[in-house]
Every structure is written in structure tokens, then in C-alpha cells.
Amino acid sequence: MLSGKYVVSWLWKPQAQKNLALNKALCETRLCRKVRKMMPEEYTAYDNQFKTLLKEGHIELLPNDCVPQTFLLH
């Protein structure tokens, strides 16, 4: 626990991190396809879920100058 939050490490072995692809394009493509297939009420629910996760501190926005190690599909 860290500040009352459950924290987990990456899902893969530490030595595998150096071989991770950034895969931003793959994640963006998958997200665009998912959003295109959604009905308006599904999109609203999806958007609200992310807003709730952000507000509750389960996820966070990265600063514009931050380059992530990789992107995870969801």
C-alpha cells in the first residue's frame, strides 16, 4: 500500500521492460475502432468511467513532456 492505494508492479519480468515496444499507434488505432463502434450512450458511459477513475485518483494524466515506457491496451 502506498498512501492508502494498492500499487502493483509491471505485469512482466523487470528484464523484459527493455524490450517493450512503445505501441502508441496500436493503442490509438484500437481506441478509435472501439469508439467508432459505440452507441452514443456507450460512449458517454465509457467517458464517464474514465472521468471517475481520474477523479478518484486511480489513473492520472501524464505531463505533456513525459514519454511513457509503453502504452497498455484496454
N, C-alpha and C. Protein backbone atom coordinates (compact mmCIF):
# COMPACT_ATOMS: atom_id res chain seq x y z
N MET A 1 0.85 -1.18 0.00
CA MET A 1 0.00 0.00 0.00
C MET A 1 0.89 1.24 0.00
N LEU A 2 0.48 2.19 -0.77
CA LEU A 2 1.18 3.47 -0.87
C LEU A 2 0.14 4.56 -0.76
N SER A 3 0.18 5.34 0.29
CA SER A 3 -0.80 6.42 0.52
C SER A 3 -2.23 5.89 0.47
N GLY A 4 -2.45 4.72 1.02
CA GLY A 4 -3.78 4.15 1.05
C GLY A 4 -4.23 3.54 -0.26
N LYS A 5 -3.32 3.44 -1.24
CA LYS A 5 -3.66 2.87 -2.55
C LYS A 5 -2.85 1.60 -2.78
N TYR A 6 -3.47 0.64 -3.42
CA TYR A 6 -2.80 -0.60 -3.77
C TYR A 6 -1.97 -0.36 -5.02
N VAL A 7 -0.69 -0.64 -4.95
CA VAL A 7 0.22 -0.41 -6.07
C VAL A 7 0.81 -1.75 -6.50
N VAL A 8 0.80 -1.98 -7.80
CA VAL A 8 1.39 -3.20 -8.35
C VAL A 8 2.50 -2.83 -9.33
N SER A 9 3.40 -3.75 -9.53
CA SER A 9 4.48 -3.52 -10.49
C SER A 9 4.01 -3.94 -11.89
N TRP A 10 4.87 -3.74 -12.86
CA TRP A 10 4.58 -4.17 -14.22
C TRP A 10 4.22 -5.65 -14.22
N LEU A 11 3.46 -6.07 -15.19
CA LEU A 11 3.00 -7.45 -15.28
C LEU A 11 4.06 -8.40 -15.81
N TRP A 12 5.18 -7.89 -16.24
CA TRP A 12 6.22 -8.73 -16.82
C TRP A 12 7.50 -8.61 -15.99
N LYS A 13 8.43 -9.48 -16.27
CA LYS A 13 9.69 -9.51 -15.54
C LYS A 13 10.48 -8.24 -15.81
N PRO A 14 11.22 -7.75 -14.80
CA PRO A 14 11.98 -6.50 -14.96
C PRO A 14 12.90 -6.48 -16.17
N GLN A 15 13.57 -7.59 -16.46
CA GLN A 15 14.50 -7.61 -17.59
C GLN A 15 13.78 -7.51 -18.94
N ALA A 16 12.48 -7.79 -18.97
CA ALA A 16 11.72 -7.72 -20.22
C ALA A 16 11.35 -6.29 -20.58
N GLN A 17 11.39 -5.37 -19.62
CA GLN A 17 10.98 -3.99 -19.88
C GLN A 17 11.77 -3.34 -21.00
N LYS A 18 13.06 -3.67 -21.11
CA LYS A 18 13.89 -3.04 -22.15
C LYS A 18 13.44 -3.44 -23.56
N ASN A 19 12.65 -4.52 -23.68
CA ASN A 19 12.20 -4.99 -24.99
C ASN A 19 10.76 -4.57 -25.32
N LEU A 20 10.15 -3.77 -24.45
CA LEU A 20 8.77 -3.35 -24.70
C LEU A 20 8.71 -2.34 -25.84
N ALA A 21 7.73 -2.50 -26.68
CA ALA A 21 7.51 -1.54 -27.75
C ALA A 21 6.67 -0.39 -27.20
N LEU A 22 6.82 0.78 -27.76
CA LEU A 22 6.04 1.92 -27.31
C LEU A 22 4.57 1.70 -27.67
N ASN A 23 4.27 1.09 -28.77
CA ASN A 23 2.96 0.68 -29.29
C ASN A 23 1.85 1.72 -29.17
N LYS A 24 2.20 2.99 -29.23
CA LYS A 24 1.21 4.06 -29.16
C LYS A 24 0.24 3.99 -30.34
N ALA A 25 0.77 3.79 -31.54
CA ALA A 25 -0.09 3.74 -32.73
C ALA A 25 -1.10 2.61 -32.64
N LEU A 26 -0.67 1.45 -32.16
CA LEU A 26 -1.57 0.30 -32.00
C LEU A 26 -2.70 0.64 -31.02
N CYS A 27 -2.34 1.25 -29.90
CA CYS A 27 -3.35 1.60 -28.89
C CYS A 27 -4.33 2.65 -29.42
N GLU A 28 -3.81 3.65 -30.14
CA GLU A 28 -4.69 4.68 -30.70
C GLU A 28 -5.64 4.09 -31.73
N THR A 29 -5.14 3.20 -32.58
CA THR A 29 -5.98 2.56 -33.59
C THR A 29 -7.08 1.74 -32.94
N ARG A 30 -6.72 0.96 -31.92
CA ARG A 30 -7.71 0.15 -31.24
C ARG A 30 -8.76 1.01 -30.55
N LEU A 31 -8.34 2.10 -29.93
CA LEU A 31 -9.28 3.01 -29.28
C LEU A 31 -10.23 3.64 -30.30
N CYS A 32 -9.70 4.07 -31.43
CA CYS A 32 -10.55 4.68 -32.47
C CYS A 32 -11.59 3.69 -32.98
N ARG A 33 -11.18 2.44 -33.19
CA ARG A 33 -12.14 1.41 -33.63
C ARG A 33 -13.22 1.19 -32.58
N LYS A 34 -12.79 1.11 -31.33
CA LYS A 34 -13.74 0.88 -30.24
C LYS A 34 -14.75 2.03 -30.16
N VAL A 35 -14.27 3.25 -30.24
CA VAL A 35 -15.15 4.42 -30.14
C VAL A 35 -16.11 4.49 -31.32
N ARG A 36 -15.61 4.16 -32.53
CA ARG A 36 -16.45 4.20 -33.73
C ARG A 36 -17.64 3.24 -33.62
N LYS A 37 -17.43 2.11 -32.96
CA LYS A 37 -18.48 1.09 -32.85
C LYS A 37 -19.48 1.38 -31.73
N MET A 38 -19.16 2.34 -30.88
CA MET A 38 -20.02 2.61 -29.72
C MET A 38 -21.26 3.41 -30.09
N MET A 39 -22.34 3.08 -29.41
CA MET A 39 -23.55 3.90 -29.49
C MET A 39 -23.30 5.12 -28.61
N PRO A 40 -24.00 6.23 -28.84
CA PRO A 40 -23.76 7.44 -28.04
C PRO A 40 -23.81 7.21 -26.52
N GLU A 41 -24.77 6.40 -26.07
CA GLU A 41 -24.87 6.17 -24.62
C GLU A 41 -23.70 5.32 -24.11
N GLU A 42 -23.17 4.43 -24.96
CA GLU A 42 -21.99 3.65 -24.57
C GLU A 42 -20.76 4.55 -24.45
N TYR A 43 -20.64 5.47 -25.42
CA TYR A 43 -19.51 6.40 -25.38
C TYR A 43 -19.58 7.26 -24.12
N THR A 44 -20.76 7.74 -23.78
CA THR A 44 -20.94 8.56 -22.58
C THR A 44 -20.55 7.77 -21.33
N ALA A 45 -20.98 6.52 -21.24
CA ALA A 45 -20.63 5.67 -20.10
C ALA A 45 -19.12 5.42 -20.04
N TYR A 46 -18.51 5.18 -21.19
CA TYR A 46 -17.07 4.94 -21.28
C TYR A 46 -16.30 6.18 -20.81
N ASP A 47 -16.73 7.34 -21.31
CA ASP A 47 -16.11 8.60 -20.94
C ASP A 47 -16.28 8.89 -19.45
N ASN A 48 -17.48 8.65 -18.94
CA ASN A 48 -17.74 8.88 -17.52
C ASN A 48 -16.89 7.97 -16.64
N GLN A 49 -16.68 6.73 -17.08
CA GLN A 49 -15.86 5.81 -16.30
C GLN A 49 -14.43 6.33 -16.17
N PHE A 50 -13.87 6.82 -17.27
CA PHE A 50 -12.52 7.35 -17.20
C PHE A 50 -12.46 8.61 -16.35
N LYS A 51 -13.46 9.46 -16.45
CA LYS A 51 -13.52 10.67 -15.60
C LYS A 51 -13.58 10.29 -14.13
N THR A 52 -14.35 9.25 -13.80
CA THR A 52 -14.46 8.79 -12.42
C THR A 52 -13.12 8.24 -11.93
N LEU A 53 -12.47 7.41 -12.75
CA LEU A 53 -11.17 6.86 -12.38
C LEU A 53 -10.15 7.96 -12.15
N LEU A 54 -10.19 9.00 -12.98
CA LEU A 54 -9.29 10.13 -12.84
C LEU A 54 -9.59 10.91 -11.55
N LYS A 55 -10.85 11.19 -11.32
CA LYS A 55 -11.27 11.95 -10.14
C LYS A 55 -10.91 11.22 -8.85
N GLU A 56 -11.06 9.90 -8.84
CA GLU A 56 -10.79 9.11 -7.65
C GLU A 56 -9.30 8.79 -7.48
N GLY A 57 -8.48 9.20 -8.44
CA GLY A 57 -7.05 9.01 -8.33
C GLY A 57 -6.54 7.63 -8.74
N HIS A 58 -7.39 6.85 -9.40
CA HIS A 58 -6.96 5.51 -9.85
C HIS A 58 -6.10 5.59 -11.11
N ILE A 59 -6.29 6.63 -11.88
CA ILE A 59 -5.46 6.90 -13.05
C ILE A 59 -5.03 8.36 -12.98
N GLU A 60 -4.03 8.73 -13.76
CA GLU A 60 -3.59 10.11 -13.76
C GLU A 60 -3.16 10.51 -15.17
N LEU A 61 -3.27 11.80 -15.44
CA LEU A 61 -2.80 12.34 -16.71
C LEU A 61 -1.30 12.53 -16.63
N LEU A 62 -0.62 12.21 -17.71
CA LEU A 62 0.82 12.44 -17.76
C LEU A 62 1.09 13.87 -18.21
N PRO A 63 2.13 14.48 -17.69
CA PRO A 63 2.51 15.80 -18.20
C PRO A 63 2.86 15.70 -19.69
N ASN A 64 2.67 16.79 -20.41
CA ASN A 64 2.92 16.78 -21.86
C ASN A 64 4.35 16.41 -22.20
N ASP A 65 5.30 16.72 -21.33
CA ASP A 65 6.70 16.44 -21.63
C ASP A 65 7.15 15.04 -21.18
N CYS A 66 6.22 14.24 -20.68
CA CYS A 66 6.53 12.89 -20.22
C CYS A 66 6.36 11.89 -21.36
N VAL A 67 7.37 11.06 -21.54
CA VAL A 67 7.30 10.00 -22.56
C VAL A 67 7.16 8.67 -21.82
N PRO A 68 6.00 8.01 -21.94
CA PRO A 68 5.80 6.74 -21.23
C PRO A 68 6.69 5.63 -21.78
N GLN A 69 6.93 4.63 -20.93
CA GLN A 69 7.73 3.47 -21.37
C GLN A 69 6.98 2.67 -22.41
N THR A 70 5.69 2.56 -22.26
CA THR A 70 4.85 1.81 -23.18
C THR A 70 3.39 2.22 -22.96
N PHE A 71 2.52 1.79 -23.82
CA PHE A 71 1.08 2.04 -23.66
C PHE A 71 0.40 0.69 -23.51
N LEU A 72 -0.62 0.64 -22.66
CA LEU A 72 -1.35 -0.60 -22.45
C LEU A 72 -2.70 -0.53 -23.14
N LEU A 73 -3.07 -1.56 -23.86
CA LEU A 73 -4.39 -1.63 -24.48
C LEU A 73 -5.44 -1.86 -23.40
N HIS A 74 -6.62 -1.37 -23.63
CA HIS A 74 -7.71 -1.65 -22.68
C HIS A 74 -8.96 -1.93 -23.45
